[in-house]
């Protein structure tokens, strides 16, 4: 078993890793350009620490929710908040149902087509 100082030393060596990953994600466009990497790291590490301490104080309950099961939803929430939104090529058009008929008539008029009602006359 390692002494506490050795464990602290290991953590301090790994501490920059999340920050580097977050900065890299901002630089390559995975994360929003205006994201604050230091704030994101603090949120992630602080929550992980809080959840681990809470879980550990419960006596590392076996058979209940694991620490990973507790962390996954939180990490997804944070990542969803900092990811850039990928735009799908094209245009999204939101219409009210009554506007669909008007749009259909405009398209038919432009294409010079007739509706099925006109054909039955």
PDB file of N, CA and C in Angstrom:
ATOM      1  N   UNK A   1       0.837  -1.181   0.000  1.00  0.00           N
ATOM      2  CA  UNK A   1       0.000   0.000   0.000  1.00  0.00           C
ATOM      3  C   UNK A   1       0.884   1.248   0.000  1.00  0.00           C
ATOM      4  N   UNK A   2       0.530   2.187  -0.880  1.00  0.00           N
ATOM      5  CA  UNK A   2       1.321   3.406  -0.981  1.00  0.00           C
ATOM      6  C   UNK A   2       1.047   4.329   0.193  1.00  0.00           C
ATOM      7  N   UNK A   3       2.047   5.122   0.530  1.00  0.00           N
ATOM      8  CA  UNK A   3       1.875   6.131   1.553  1.00  0.00           C
ATOM      9  C   UNK A   3       1.071   7.282   0.956  1.00  0.00           C
ATOM     10  N   UNK A   4       0.352   8.046   1.779  1.00  0.00           N
ATOM     11  CA  UNK A   4      -0.470   9.158   1.279  1.00  0.00           C
ATOM     12  C   UNK A   4       0.302  10.137   0.394  1.00  0.00           C
ATOM     13  N   UNK A   5       1.551  10.447   0.755  1.00  0.00           N
ATOM     14  CA  UNK A   5       2.343  11.392  -0.039  1.00  0.00           C
ATOM     15  C   UNK A   5       2.560  10.852  -1.458  1.00  0.00           C
ATOM     16  N   UNK A   6       2.801   9.574  -1.574  1.00  0.00           N
ATOM     17  CA  UNK A   6       3.017   8.978  -2.895  1.00  0.00           C
ATOM     18  C   UNK A   6       1.735   9.040  -3.721  1.00  0.00           C
ATOM     19  N   UNK A   7       0.591   8.808  -3.077  1.00  0.00           N
ATOM     20  CA  UNK A   7      -0.686   8.886  -3.785  1.00  0.00           C
ATOM     21  C   UNK A   7      -0.965  10.312  -4.248  1.00  0.00           C
ATOM     22  N   UNK A   8      -0.698  11.290  -3.395  1.00  0.00           N
ATOM     23  CA  UNK A   8      -0.893  12.695  -3.760  1.00  0.00           C
ATOM     24  C   UNK A   8       0.021  13.053  -4.921  1.00  0.00           C
ATOM     25  N   UNK A   9       1.236  12.546  -4.891  1.00  0.00           N
ATOM     26  CA  UNK A   9       2.186  12.811  -5.967  1.00  0.00           C
ATOM     27  C   UNK A   9       1.673  12.261  -7.291  1.00  0.00           C
ATOM     28  N   UNK A  10       1.109  11.065  -7.274  1.00  0.00           N
ATOM     29  CA  UNK A  10       0.555  10.467  -8.497  1.00  0.00           C
ATOM     30  C   UNK A  10      -0.600  11.294  -9.043  1.00  0.00           C
ATOM     31  N   UNK A  11      -1.474  11.751  -8.168  1.00  0.00           N
ATOM     32  CA  UNK A  11      -2.618  12.559  -8.598  1.00  0.00           C
ATOM     33  C   UNK A  11      -2.135  13.877  -9.183  1.00  0.00           C
ATOM     34  N   UNK A  12      -1.150  14.510  -8.546  1.00  0.00           N
ATOM     35  CA  UNK A  12      -0.673  15.801  -9.051  1.00  0.00           C
ATOM     36  C   UNK A  12      -0.005  15.663 -10.411  1.00  0.00           C
ATOM     37  N   UNK A  13       0.577  14.521 -10.703  1.00  0.00           N
ATOM     38  CA  UNK A  13       1.161  14.274 -12.027  1.00  0.00           C
ATOM     39  C   UNK A  13       0.048  14.135 -13.065  1.00  0.00           C
ATOM     40  N   UNK A  14      -1.072  13.495 -12.705  1.00  0.00           N
ATOM     41  CA  UNK A  14      -2.181  13.289 -13.639  1.00  0.00           C
ATOM     42  C   UNK A  14      -3.073  14.515 -13.759  1.00  0.00           C
ATOM     43  N   UNK A  15      -3.004  15.451 -12.821  1.00  0.00           N
ATOM     44  CA  UNK A  15      -3.917  16.594 -12.772  1.00  0.00           C
ATOM     45  C   UNK A  15      -3.961  17.397 -14.075  1.00  0.00           C
ATOM     46  N   UNK A  16      -2.830  17.658 -14.751  1.00  0.00           N
ATOM     47  CA  UNK A  16      -2.904  18.444 -15.993  1.00  0.00           C
ATOM     48  C   UNK A  16      -3.577  17.697 -17.155  1.00  0.00           C
ATOM     49  N   UNK A  17      -3.642  16.396 -17.098  1.00  0.00           N
ATOM     50  CA  UNK A  17      -4.189  15.613 -18.209  1.00  0.00           C
ATOM     51  C   UNK A  17      -5.606  16.021 -18.608  1.00  0.00           C
ATOM     52  N   UNK A  18      -6.564  16.131 -17.684  1.00  0.00           N
ATOM     53  CA  UNK A  18      -7.901  16.556 -18.106  1.00  0.00           C
ATOM     54  C   UNK A  18      -7.884  17.948 -18.740  1.00  0.00           C
ATOM     55  N   UNK A  19      -7.076  18.846 -18.186  1.00  0.00           N
ATOM     56  CA  UNK A  19      -6.991  20.196 -18.728  1.00  0.00           C
ATOM     57  C   UNK A  19      -6.449  20.163 -20.156  1.00  0.00           C
ATOM     58  N   UNK A  20      -5.413  19.373 -20.384  1.00  0.00           N
ATOM     59  CA  UNK A  20      -4.845  19.258 -21.734  1.00  0.00           C
ATOM     60  C   UNK A  20      -5.871  18.698 -22.710  1.00  0.00           C
ATOM     61  N   UNK A  21      -6.629  17.696 -22.287  1.00  0.00           N
ATOM     62  CA  UNK A  21      -7.654  17.101 -23.151  1.00  0.00           C
ATOM     63  C   UNK A  21      -8.746  18.119 -23.488  1.00  0.00           C
ATOM     64  N   UNK A  22      -9.151  18.892 -22.498  1.00  0.00           N
ATOM     65  CA  UNK A  22     -10.190  19.902 -22.716  1.00  0.00           C
ATOM     66  C   UNK A  22      -9.667  20.986 -23.660  1.00  0.00           C
ATOM     67  N   UNK A  23      -8.436  21.454 -23.432  1.00  0.00           N
ATOM     68  CA  UNK A  23      -7.847  22.473 -24.315  1.00  0.00           C
ATOM     69  C   UNK A  23      -7.737  21.945 -25.744  1.00  0.00           C
ATOM     70  N   UNK A  24      -7.338  20.698 -25.886  1.00  0.00           N
ATOM     71  CA  UNK A  24      -7.230  20.078 -27.206  1.00  0.00           C
ATOM     72  C   UNK A  24      -8.599  20.022 -27.886  1.00  0.00           C
ATOM     73  N   UNK A  25      -9.627  19.689 -27.126  1.00  0.00           N
ATOM     74  CA  UNK A  25     -10.988  19.636 -27.666  1.00  0.00           C
ATOM     75  C   UNK A  25     -11.482  21.000 -28.119  1.00  0.00           C
ATOM     76  N   UNK A  26     -11.096  22.041 -27.394  1.00  0.00           N
ATOM     77  CA  UNK A  26     -11.470  23.401 -27.795  1.00  0.00           C
ATOM     78  C   UNK A  26     -10.720  23.775 -29.072  1.00  0.00           C
ATOM     79  N   UNK A  27      -9.436  23.450 -29.117  1.00  0.00           N
ATOM     80  CA  UNK A  27      -8.612  23.803 -30.278  1.00  0.00           C
ATOM     81  C   UNK A  27      -9.071  23.093 -31.551  1.00  0.00           C
ATOM     82  N   UNK A  28      -9.494  21.824 -31.439  1.00  0.00           N
ATOM     83  CA  UNK A  28      -9.884  21.087 -32.655  1.00  0.00           C
ATOM     84  C   UNK A  28     -11.361  21.218 -33.003  1.00  0.00           C
ATOM     85  N   UNK A  29     -12.099  22.027 -32.208  1.00  0.00           N
ATOM     86  CA  UNK A  29     -13.493  22.289 -32.537  1.00  0.00           C
ATOM     87  C   UNK A  29     -14.489  21.297 -31.954  1.00  0.00           C
ATOM     88  N   UNK A  30     -14.017  20.330 -31.167  1.00  0.00           N
ATOM     89  CA  UNK A  30     -14.931  19.385 -30.528  1.00  0.00           C
ATOM     90  C   UNK A  30     -15.775  20.095 -29.480  1.00  0.00           C
ATOM     91  N   UNK A  31     -15.131  21.000 -28.732  1.00  0.00           N
ATOM     92  CA  UNK A  31     -15.818  21.774 -27.715  1.00  0.00           C
ATOM     93  C   UNK A  31     -15.964  23.212 -28.182  1.00  0.00           C
ATOM     94  N   UNK A  32     -16.895  23.912 -27.574  1.00  0.00           N
ATOM     95  CA  UNK A  32     -17.154  25.307 -27.935  1.00  0.00           C
ATOM     96  C   UNK A  32     -15.896  26.154 -27.755  1.00  0.00           C
ATOM     97  N   UNK A  33     -15.696  27.077 -28.671  1.00  0.00           N
ATOM     98  CA  UNK A  33     -14.504  27.943 -28.640  1.00  0.00           C
ATOM     99  C   UNK A  33     -14.474  28.837 -27.407  1.00  0.00           C
ATOM    100  N   UNK A  34     -15.648  29.225 -26.887  1.00  0.00           N
ATOM    101  CA  UNK A  34     -15.683  30.125 -25.733  1.00  0.00           C
ATOM    102  C   UNK A  34     -15.705  29.376 -24.397  1.00  0.00           C
ATOM    103  N   UNK A  35     -15.499  28.056 -24.436  1.00  0.00           N
ATOM    104  CA  UNK A  35     -15.490  27.261 -23.198  1.00  0.00           C
ATOM    105  C   UNK A  35     -14.240  27.589 -22.377  1.00  0.00           C
ATOM    106  N   UNK A  36     -14.408  27.654 -21.075  1.00  0.00           N
ATOM    107  CA  UNK A  36     -13.294  27.928 -20.169  1.00  0.00           C
ATOM    108  C   UNK A  36     -12.744  26.581 -19.686  1.00  0.00           C
ATOM    109  N   UNK A  37     -11.557  26.176 -20.172  1.00  0.00           N
ATOM    110  CA  UNK A  37     -11.037  24.849 -19.820  1.00  0.00           C
ATOM    111  C   UNK A  37     -10.792  24.667 -18.329  1.00  0.00           C
ATOM    112  N   UNK A  38     -10.396  25.734 -17.628  1.00  0.00           N
ATOM    113  CA  UNK A  38     -10.132  25.634 -16.192  1.00  0.00           C
ATOM    114  C   UNK A  38     -11.425  25.413 -15.412  1.00  0.00           C
ATOM    115  N   UNK A  39     -12.483  26.098 -15.819  1.00  0.00           N
ATOM    116  CA  UNK A  39     -13.782  25.928 -15.172  1.00  0.00           C
ATOM    117  C   UNK A  39     -14.331  24.525 -15.427  1.00  0.00           C
ATOM    118  N   UNK A  40     -14.203  24.056 -16.653  1.00  0.00           N
ATOM    119  CA  UNK A  40     -14.685  22.711 -16.992  1.00  0.00           C
ATOM    120  C   UNK A  40     -13.937  21.657 -16.185  1.00  0.00           C
ATOM    121  N   UNK A  41     -12.608  21.791 -16.114  1.00  0.00           N
ATOM    122  CA  UNK A  41     -11.824  20.831 -15.324  1.00  0.00           C
ATOM    123  C   UNK A  41     -12.258  20.872 -13.867  1.00  0.00           C
ATOM    124  N   UNK A  42     -12.463  22.058 -13.321  1.00  0.00           N
ATOM    125  CA  UNK A  42     -12.882  22.169 -11.919  1.00  0.00           C
ATOM    126  C   UNK A  42     -14.232  21.523 -11.689  1.00  0.00           C
ATOM    127  N   UNK A  43     -15.159  21.732 -12.633  1.00  0.00           N
ATOM    128  CA  UNK A  43     -16.488  21.119 -12.507  1.00  0.00           C
ATOM    129  C   UNK A  43     -16.381  19.598 -12.538  1.00  0.00           C
ATOM    130  N   UNK A  44     -15.623  19.085 -13.505  1.00  0.00           N
ATOM    131  CA  UNK A  44     -15.485  17.625 -13.623  1.00  0.00           C
ATOM    132  C   UNK A  44     -14.810  17.031 -12.391  1.00  0.00           C
ATOM    133  N   UNK A  45     -13.663  17.572 -12.040  1.00  0.00           N
ATOM    134  CA  UNK A  45     -12.899  16.999 -10.931  1.00  0.00           C
ATOM    135  C   UNK A  45     -13.625  17.186  -9.599  1.00  0.00           C
ATOM    136  N   UNK A  46     -14.251  18.334  -9.412  1.00  0.00           N
ATOM    137  CA  UNK A  46     -14.982  18.578  -8.174  1.00  0.00           C
ATOM    138  C   UNK A  46     -16.155  17.630  -8.004  1.00  0.00           C
ATOM    139  N   UNK A  47     -16.862  17.387  -9.091  1.00  0.00           N
ATOM    140  CA  UNK A  47     -18.007  16.475  -9.017  1.00  0.00           C
ATOM    141  C   UNK A  47     -17.548  15.042  -8.808  1.00  0.00           C
ATOM    142  N   UNK A  48     -16.501  14.651  -9.511  1.00  0.00           N
ATOM    143  CA  UNK A  48     -15.970  13.292  -9.323  1.00  0.00           C
ATOM    144  C   UNK A  48     -15.544  13.104  -7.875  1.00  0.00           C
ATOM    145  N   UNK A  49     -14.849  14.097  -7.337  1.00  0.00           N
ATOM    146  CA  UNK A  49     -14.411  14.015  -5.940  1.00  0.00           C
ATOM    147  C   UNK A  49     -15.610  13.934  -4.996  1.00  0.00           C
ATOM    148  N   UNK A  50     -16.603  14.787  -5.216  1.00  0.00           N
ATOM    149  CA  UNK A  50     -17.791  14.788  -4.365  1.00  0.00           C
ATOM    150  C   UNK A  50     -18.507  13.438  -4.414  1.00  0.00           C
ATOM    151  N   UNK A  51     -18.730  12.927  -5.616  1.00  0.00           N
ATOM    152  CA  UNK A  51     -19.434  11.649  -5.748  1.00  0.00           C
ATOM    153  C   UNK A  51     -18.633  10.505  -5.133  1.00  0.00           C
ATOM    154  N   UNK A  52     -17.308  10.532  -5.320  1.00  0.00           N
ATOM    155  CA  UNK A  52     -16.481   9.469  -4.752  1.00  0.00           C
ATOM    156  C   UNK A  52     -16.529   9.508  -3.223  1.00  0.00           C
ATOM    157  N   UNK A  53     -16.407  10.700  -2.657  1.00  0.00           N
ATOM    158  CA  UNK A  53     -16.440  10.804  -1.187  1.00  0.00           C
ATOM    159  C   UNK A  53     -17.799  10.346  -0.668  1.00  0.00           C
ATOM    160  N   UNK A  54     -18.878  10.781  -1.303  1.00  0.00           N
ATOM    161  CA  UNK A  54     -20.226  10.364  -0.899  1.00  0.00           C
ATOM    162  C   UNK A  54     -20.358   8.843  -0.977  1.00  0.00           C
ATOM    163  N   UNK A  55     -19.906   8.266  -2.078  1.00  0.00           N
ATOM    164  CA  UNK A  55     -19.967   6.813  -2.279  1.00  0.00           C
ATOM    165  C   UNK A  55     -19.102   6.091  -1.242  1.00  0.00           C
ATOM    166  N   UNK A  56     -17.903   6.628  -1.002  1.00  0.00           N
ATOM    167  CA  UNK A  56     -16.965   6.001  -0.065  1.00  0.00           C
ATOM    168  C   UNK A  56     -17.496   6.069   1.366  1.00  0.00           C
ATOM    169  N   UNK A  57     -18.136   7.167   1.741  1.00  0.00           N
ATOM    170  CA  UNK A  57     -18.666   7.316   3.092  1.00  0.00           C
ATOM    171  C   UNK A  57     -19.839   6.373   3.340  1.00  0.00           C
ATOM    172  N   UNK A  58     -20.471   5.911   2.262  1.00  0.00           N
ATOM    173  CA  UNK A  58     -21.542   4.928   2.413  1.00  0.00           C
ATOM    174  C   UNK A  58     -20.974   3.518   2.560  1.00  0.00           C
ATOM    175  N   UNK A  59     -19.668   3.415   2.622  1.00  0.00           N
ATOM    176  CA  UNK A  59     -19.030   2.117   2.802  1.00  0.00           C
ATOM    177  C   UNK A  59     -18.873   1.349   1.505  1.00  0.00           C
ATOM    178  N   UNK A  60     -18.680   2.069   0.411  1.00  0.00           N
ATOM    179  CA  UNK A  60     -18.528   1.448  -0.908  1.00  0.00           C
ATOM    180  C   UNK A  60     -19.610   0.398  -1.127  1.00  0.00           C
ATOM    181  N   UNK A  61     -20.849   0.800  -1.145  1.00  0.00           N
ATOM    182  CA  UNK A  61     -21.953  -0.173  -1.230  1.00  0.00           C
ATOM    183  C   UNK A  61     -21.841  -1.081  -2.449  1.00  0.00           C
ATOM    184  N   UNK A  62     -21.902  -2.370  -2.176  1.00  0.00           N
ATOM    185  CA  UNK A  62     -21.846  -3.366  -3.243  1.00  0.00           C
ATOM    186  C   UNK A  62     -23.260  -3.702  -3.681  1.00  0.00           C
ATOM    187  N   UNK A  63     -23.445  -3.923  -4.952  1.00  0.00           N
ATOM    188  CA  UNK A  63     -24.765  -4.310  -5.446  1.00  0.00           C
ATOM    189  C   UNK A  63     -25.671  -3.126  -5.722  1.00  0.00           C
ATOM    190  N   UNK A  64     -25.339  -1.978  -5.172  1.00  0.00           N
ATOM    191  CA  UNK A  64     -26.118  -0.772  -5.456  1.00  0.00           C
ATOM    192  C   UNK A  64     -25.466  -0.082  -6.644  1.00  0.00           C
ATOM    193  N   UNK A  65     -25.713   1.171  -6.772  1.00  0.00           N
ATOM    194  CA  UNK A  65     -25.142   1.945  -7.860  1.00  0.00           C
ATOM    195  C   UNK A  65     -23.631   2.032  -7.708  1.00  0.00           C
ATOM    196  N   UNK A  66     -22.915   1.714  -8.781  1.00  0.00           N
ATOM    197  CA  UNK A  66     -21.459   1.824  -8.732  1.00  0.00           C
ATOM    198  C   UNK A  66     -21.061   3.281  -8.939  1.00  0.00           C
ATOM    199  N   UNK A  67     -19.819   3.587  -8.630  1.00  0.00           N
ATOM    200  CA  UNK A  67     -19.333   4.950  -8.803  1.00  0.00           C
ATOM    201  C   UNK A  67     -19.394   5.350 -10.282  1.00  0.00           C
ATOM    202  N   UNK A  68     -19.131   4.418 -11.172  1.00  0.00           N
ATOM    203  CA  UNK A  68     -19.187   4.701 -12.617  1.00  0.00           C
ATOM    204  C   UNK A  68     -20.623   4.998 -13.036  1.00  0.00           C
ATOM    205  N   UNK A  69     -21.586   4.244 -12.509  1.00  0.00           N
ATOM    206  CA  UNK A  69     -22.996   4.492 -12.823  1.00  0.00           C
ATOM    207  C   UNK A  69     -23.434   5.877 -12.352  1.00  0.00           C
ATOM    208  N   UNK A  70     -22.818   6.353 -11.288  1.00  0.00           N
ATOM    209  CA  UNK A  70     -23.141   7.682 -10.783  1.00  0.00           C
ATOM    210  C   UNK A  70     -22.485   8.763 -11.641  1.00  0.00           C
ATOM    211  N   UNK A  71     -21.287   8.492 -12.143  1.00  0.00           N
ATOM    212  CA  UNK A  71     -20.539   9.495 -12.895  1.00  0.00           C
ATOM    213  C   UNK A  71     -20.997   9.645 -14.341  1.00  0.00           C
ATOM    214  N   UNK A  72     -21.348   8.552 -14.993  1.00  0.00           N
ATOM    215  CA  UNK A  72     -21.684   8.607 -16.417  1.00  0.00           C
ATOM    216  C   UNK A  72     -22.751   9.639 -16.772  1.00  0.00           C
ATOM    217  N   UNK A  73     -23.892   9.691 -16.070  1.00  0.00           N
ATOM    218  CA  UNK A  73     -24.893  10.702 -16.432  1.00  0.00           C
ATOM    219  C   UNK A  73     -24.376  12.131 -16.251  1.00  0.00           C
ATOM    220  N   UNK A  74     -23.605  12.361 -15.200  1.00  0.00           N
ATOM    221  CA  UNK A  74     -23.071  13.700 -14.980  1.00  0.00           C
ATOM    222  C   UNK A  74     -22.118  14.098 -16.096  1.00  0.00           C
ATOM    223  N   UNK A  75     -21.222  13.207 -16.452  1.00  0.00           N
ATOM    224  CA  UNK A  75     -20.245  13.519 -17.493  1.00  0.00           C
ATOM    225  C   UNK A  75     -20.944  13.793 -18.820  1.00  0.00           C
ATOM    226  N   UNK A  76     -21.992  13.038 -19.123  1.00  0.00           N
ATOM    227  CA  UNK A  76     -22.757  13.290 -20.354  1.00  0.00           C
ATOM    228  C   UNK A  76     -23.407  14.667 -20.330  1.00  0.00           C
ATOM    229  N   UNK A  77     -23.918  15.076 -19.176  1.00  0.00           N
ATOM    230  CA  UNK A  77     -24.532  16.405 -19.058  1.00  0.00           C
ATOM    231  C   UNK A  77     -23.492  17.489 -19.330  1.00  0.00           C
ATOM    232  N   UNK A  78     -22.324  17.358 -18.730  1.00  0.00           N
ATOM    233  CA  UNK A  78     -21.271  18.351 -18.936  1.00  0.00           C
ATOM    234  C   UNK A  78     -20.826  18.354 -20.402  1.00  0.00           C
ATOM    235  N   UNK A  79     -20.574  17.177 -20.958  1.00  0.00           N
ATOM    236  CA  UNK A  79     -20.112  17.116 -22.343  1.00  0.00           C
ATOM    237  C   UNK A  79     -21.149  17.654 -23.313  1.00  0.00           C
ATOM    238  N   UNK A  80     -22.430  17.374 -23.063  1.00  0.00           N
ATOM    239  CA  UNK A  80     -23.479  17.926 -23.930  1.00  0.00           C
ATOM    240  C   UNK A  80     -23.484  19.448 -23.876  1.00  0.00           C
ATOM    241  N   UNK A  81     -23.118  19.996 -22.742  1.00  0.00           N
ATOM    242  CA  UNK A  81     -23.099  21.451 -22.604  1.00  0.00           C
ATOM    243  C   UNK A  81     -21.911  22.120 -23.271  1.00  0.00           C
ATOM    244  N   UNK A  82     -20.787  21.420 -23.426  1.00  0.00           N
ATOM    245  CA  UNK A  82     -19.599  22.055 -23.992  1.00  0.00           C
ATOM    246  C   UNK A  82     -19.299  21.631 -25.425  1.00  0.00           C
ATOM    247  N   UNK A  83     -19.970  20.561 -25.905  1.00  0.00           N
ATOM    248  CA  UNK A  83     -19.739  20.134 -27.290  1.00  0.00           C
ATOM    249  C   UNK A  83     -20.269  21.182 -28.259  1.00  0.00           C
ATOM    250  N   UNK A  84     -19.579  21.308 -29.390  1.00  0.00           N
ATOM    251  CA  UNK A  84     -20.120  22.165 -30.437  1.00  0.00           C
ATOM    252  C   UNK A  84     -21.273  21.421 -31.074  1.00  0.00           C
ATOM    253  N   UNK A  85     -22.235  22.173 -31.521  1.00  0.00           N
ATOM    254  CA  UNK A  85     -23.389  21.569 -32.183  1.00  0.00           C
ATOM    255  C   UNK A  85     -23.028  21.344 -33.640  1.00  0.00           C
ATOM    256  N   UNK A  86     -23.114  20.128 -34.082  1.00  0.00           N
ATOM    257  CA  UNK A  86     -22.808  19.796 -35.468  1.00  0.00           C
ATOM    258  C   UNK A  86     -24.010  20.153 -36.328  1.00  0.00           C
ATOM    259  N   UNK A  87     -23.771  21.038 -37.270  1.00  0.00           N
ATOM    260  CA  UNK A  87     -24.842  21.453 -38.172  1.00  0.00           C
ATOM    261  C   UNK A  87     -24.985  20.433 -39.285  1.00  0.00           C
ATOM    262  N   UNK A  88     -26.190  20.059 -39.558  1.00  0.00           N
ATOM    263  CA  UNK A  88     -26.476  19.151 -40.660  1.00  0.00           C
ATOM    264  C   UNK A  88     -26.682  20.021 -41.890  1.00  0.00           C
ATOM    265  N   UNK A  89     -25.994  19.693 -42.997  1.00  0.00           N
ATOM    266  CA  UNK A  89     -26.149  20.512 -44.192  1.00  0.00           C
ATOM    267  C   UNK A  89     -27.613  20.585 -44.620  1.00  0.00           C
ATOM    268  N   UNK A  90     -28.007  21.739 -45.102  1.00  0.00           N
ATOM    269  CA  UNK A  90     -29.381  21.926 -45.539  1.00  0.00           C
ATOM    270  C   UNK A  90     -30.086  22.913 -44.634  1.00  0.00           C
ATOM    271  N   UNK A  91     -31.342  23.050 -44.850  1.00  0.00           N
ATOM    272  CA  UNK A  91     -32.144  23.993 -44.079  1.00  0.00           C
ATOM    273  C   UNK A  91     -33.270  23.255 -43.385  1.00  0.00           C
ATOM    274  N   UNK A  92     -33.488  23.606 -42.141  1.00  0.00           N
ATOM    275  CA  UNK A  92     -34.613  23.051 -41.405  1.00  0.00           C
ATOM    276  C   UNK A  92     -35.717  24.091 -41.410  1.00  0.00           C
ATOM    277  N   UNK A  93     -36.891  23.678 -41.807  1.00  0.00           N
ATOM    278  CA  UNK A  93     -38.027  24.585 -41.906  1.00  0.00           C
ATOM    279  C   UNK A  93     -39.121  24.077 -40.982  1.00  0.00           C
ATOM    280  N   UNK A  94     -39.567  24.936 -40.083  1.00  0.00           N
ATOM    281  CA  UNK A  94     -40.634  24.586 -39.168  1.00  0.00           C
ATOM    282  C   UNK A  94     -41.897  25.309 -39.629  1.00  0.00           C
ATOM    283  N   UNK A  95     -42.961  24.548 -39.877  1.00  0.00           N
ATOM    284  CA  UNK A  95     -44.210  25.117 -40.376  1.00  0.00           C
ATOM    285  C   UNK A  95     -45.370  24.727 -39.491  1.00  0.00           C
ATOM    286  N   UNK A  96     -46.340  25.628 -39.428  1.00  0.00           N
ATOM    287  CA  UNK A  96     -47.604  25.280 -38.809  1.00  0.00           C
ATOM    288  C   UNK A  96     -48.374  24.450 -39.821  1.00  0.00           C
ATOM    289  N   UNK A  97     -49.228  23.592 -39.347  1.00  0.00           N
ATOM    290  CA  UNK A  97     -49.964  22.701 -40.232  1.00  0.00           C
ATOM    291  C   UNK A  97     -50.740  23.464 -41.297  1.00  0.00           C
ATOM    292  N   UNK A  98     -51.367  24.572 -40.922  1.00  0.00           N
ATOM    293  CA  UNK A  98     -52.142  25.340 -41.908  1.00  0.00           C
ATOM    294  C   UNK A  98     -51.247  25.964 -42.978  1.00  0.00           C
ATOM    295  N   UNK A  99     -49.962  26.201 -42.639  1.00  0.00           N
ATOM    296  CA  UNK A  99     -49.040  26.771 -43.623  1.00  0.00           C
ATOM    297  C   UNK A  99     -48.571  25.736 -44.643  1.00  0.00           C
ATOM    298  N   UNK A 100     -48.681  24.465 -44.305  1.00  0.00           N
ATOM    299  CA  UNK A 100     -48.252  23.412 -45.218  1.00  0.00           C
ATOM    300  C   UNK A 100     -49.067  23.457 -46.507  1.00  0.00           C
ATOM    301  N   UNK A 101     -50.379  23.664 -46.390  1.00  0.00           N
ATOM    302  CA  UNK A 101     -51.230  23.748 -47.585  1.00  0.00           C
ATOM    303  C   UNK A 101     -50.827  24.920 -48.465  1.00  0.00           C
ATOM    304  N   UNK A 102     -50.564  26.053 -47.869  1.00  0.00           N
ATOM    305  CA  UNK A 102     -50.149  27.237 -48.625  1.00  0.00           C
ATOM    306  C   UNK A 102     -48.825  26.967 -49.332  1.00  0.00           C
ATOM    307  N   UNK A 103     -47.875  26.378 -48.603  1.00  0.00           N
ATOM    308  CA  UNK A 103     -46.579  26.049 -49.197  1.00  0.00           C
ATOM    309  C   UNK A 103     -46.748  25.070 -50.358  1.00  0.00           C
ATOM    310  N   UNK A 104     -47.611  24.071 -50.188  1.00  0.00           N
ATOM    311  CA  UNK A 104     -47.867  23.101 -51.253  1.00  0.00           C
ATOM    312  C   UNK A 104     -48.400  23.770 -52.506  1.00  0.00           C
ATOM    313  N   UNK A 105     -49.300  24.712 -52.325  1.00  0.00           N
ATOM    314  CA  UNK A 105     -49.864  25.439 -53.472  1.00  0.00           C
ATOM    315  C   UNK A 105     -48.796  26.273 -54.163  1.00  0.00           C
ATOM    316  N   UNK A 106     -47.938  26.914 -53.385  1.00  0.00           N
ATOM    317  CA  UNK A 106     -46.864  27.720 -53.972  1.00  0.00           C
ATOM    318  C   UNK A 106     -45.903  26.851 -54.783  1.00  0.00           C
ATOM    319  N   UNK A 107     -45.566  25.700 -54.252  1.00  0.00           N
ATOM    320  CA  UNK A 107     -44.654  24.793 -54.960  1.00  0.00           C
ATOM    321  C   UNK A 107     -45.293  24.318 -56.258  1.00  0.00           C
ATOM    322  N   UNK A 108     -46.551  23.934 -56.189  1.00  0.00           N
ATOM    323  CA  UNK A 108     -47.253  23.474 -57.398  1.00  0.00           C
ATOM    324  C   UNK A 108     -47.313  24.580 -58.440  1.00  0.00           C
ATOM    325  N   UNK A 109     -47.595  25.782 -58.000  1.00  0.00           N
ATOM    326  CA  UNK A 109     -47.699  26.910 -58.921  1.00  0.00           C
ATOM    327  C   UNK A 109     -46.356  27.163 -59.597  1.00  0.00           C
ATOM    328  N   UNK A 110     -45.284  27.118 -58.820  1.00  0.00           N
ATOM    329  CA  UNK A 110     -43.948  27.349 -59.349  1.00  0.00           C
ATOM    330  C   UNK A 110     -43.555  26.274 -60.345  1.00  0.00           C
ATOM    331  N   UNK A 111     -43.893  25.024 -60.043  1.00  0.00           N
ATOM    332  CA  UNK A 111     -43.547  23.910 -60.917  1.00  0.00           C
ATOM    333  C   UNK A 111     -44.525  23.774 -62.077  1.00  0.00           C
ATOM    334  N   UNK A 112     -45.596  24.534 -62.050  1.00  0.00           N
ATOM    335  CA  UNK A 112     -46.585  24.469 -63.120  1.00  0.00           C
ATOM    336  C   UNK A 112     -47.443  23.231 -63.053  1.00  0.00           C
ATOM    337  N   UNK A 113     -47.418  22.548 -61.939  1.00  0.00           N
ATOM    338  CA  UNK A 113     -48.197  21.319 -61.784  1.00  0.00           C
ATOM    339  C   UNK A 113     -49.607  21.615 -61.338  1.00  0.00           C
ATOM    340  N   UNK A 114     -50.415  20.593 -61.386  1.00  0.00           N
ATOM    341  CA  UNK A 114     -51.788  20.712 -60.906  1.00  0.00           C
ATOM    342  C   UNK A 114     -51.977  19.718 -59.794  1.00  0.00           C
ATOM    343  N   UNK A 115     -52.887  20.015 -58.920  1.00  0.00           N
ATOM    344  CA  UNK A 115     -53.152  19.124 -57.798  1.00  0.00           C
ATOM    345  C   UNK A 115     -54.050  17.996 -58.253  1.00  0.00           C
ATOM    346  N   UNK A 116     -54.187  16.983 -57.453  1.00  0.00           N
ATOM    347  CA  UNK A 116     -55.054  15.853 -57.782  1.00  0.00           C
ATOM    348  C   UNK A 116     -56.506  16.302 -57.831  1.00  0.00           C
ATOM    349  N   UNK A 117     -56.865  17.344 -57.092  1.00  0.00           N
ATOM    350  CA  UNK A 117     -58.233  17.891 -57.147  1.00  0.00           C
ATOM    351  C   UNK A 117     -58.495  18.480 -58.518  1.00  0.00           C
ATOM    352  N   UNK A 118     -57.489  19.196 -59.071  1.00  0.00           N
ATOM    353  CA  UNK A 118     -57.662  19.810 -60.398  1.00  0.00           C
ATOM    354  C   UNK A 118     -57.811  18.737 -61.469  1.00  0.00           C
ATOM    355  N   UNK A 119     -57.137  17.609 -61.337  1.00  0.00           N
ATOM    356  CA  UNK A 119     -57.187  16.538 -62.336  1.00  0.00           C
ATOM    357  C   UNK A 119     -58.553  15.876 -62.357  1.00  0.00           C
ATOM    358  N   UNK A 120     -59.237  15.853 -61.199  1.00  0.00           N
ATOM    359  CA  UNK A 120     -60.527  15.182 -61.103  1.00  0.00           C
ATOM    360  C   UNK A 120     -61.667  16.050 -61.620  1.00  0.00           C
ATOM    361  N   UNK A 121     -61.430  17.306 -61.913  1.00  0.00           N
ATOM    362  CA  UNK A 121     -62.487  18.216 -62.364  1.00  0.00           C
ATOM    363  C   UNK A 121     -62.840  17.995 -63.810  1.00  0.00           C
TER     364      UNK A 121
END
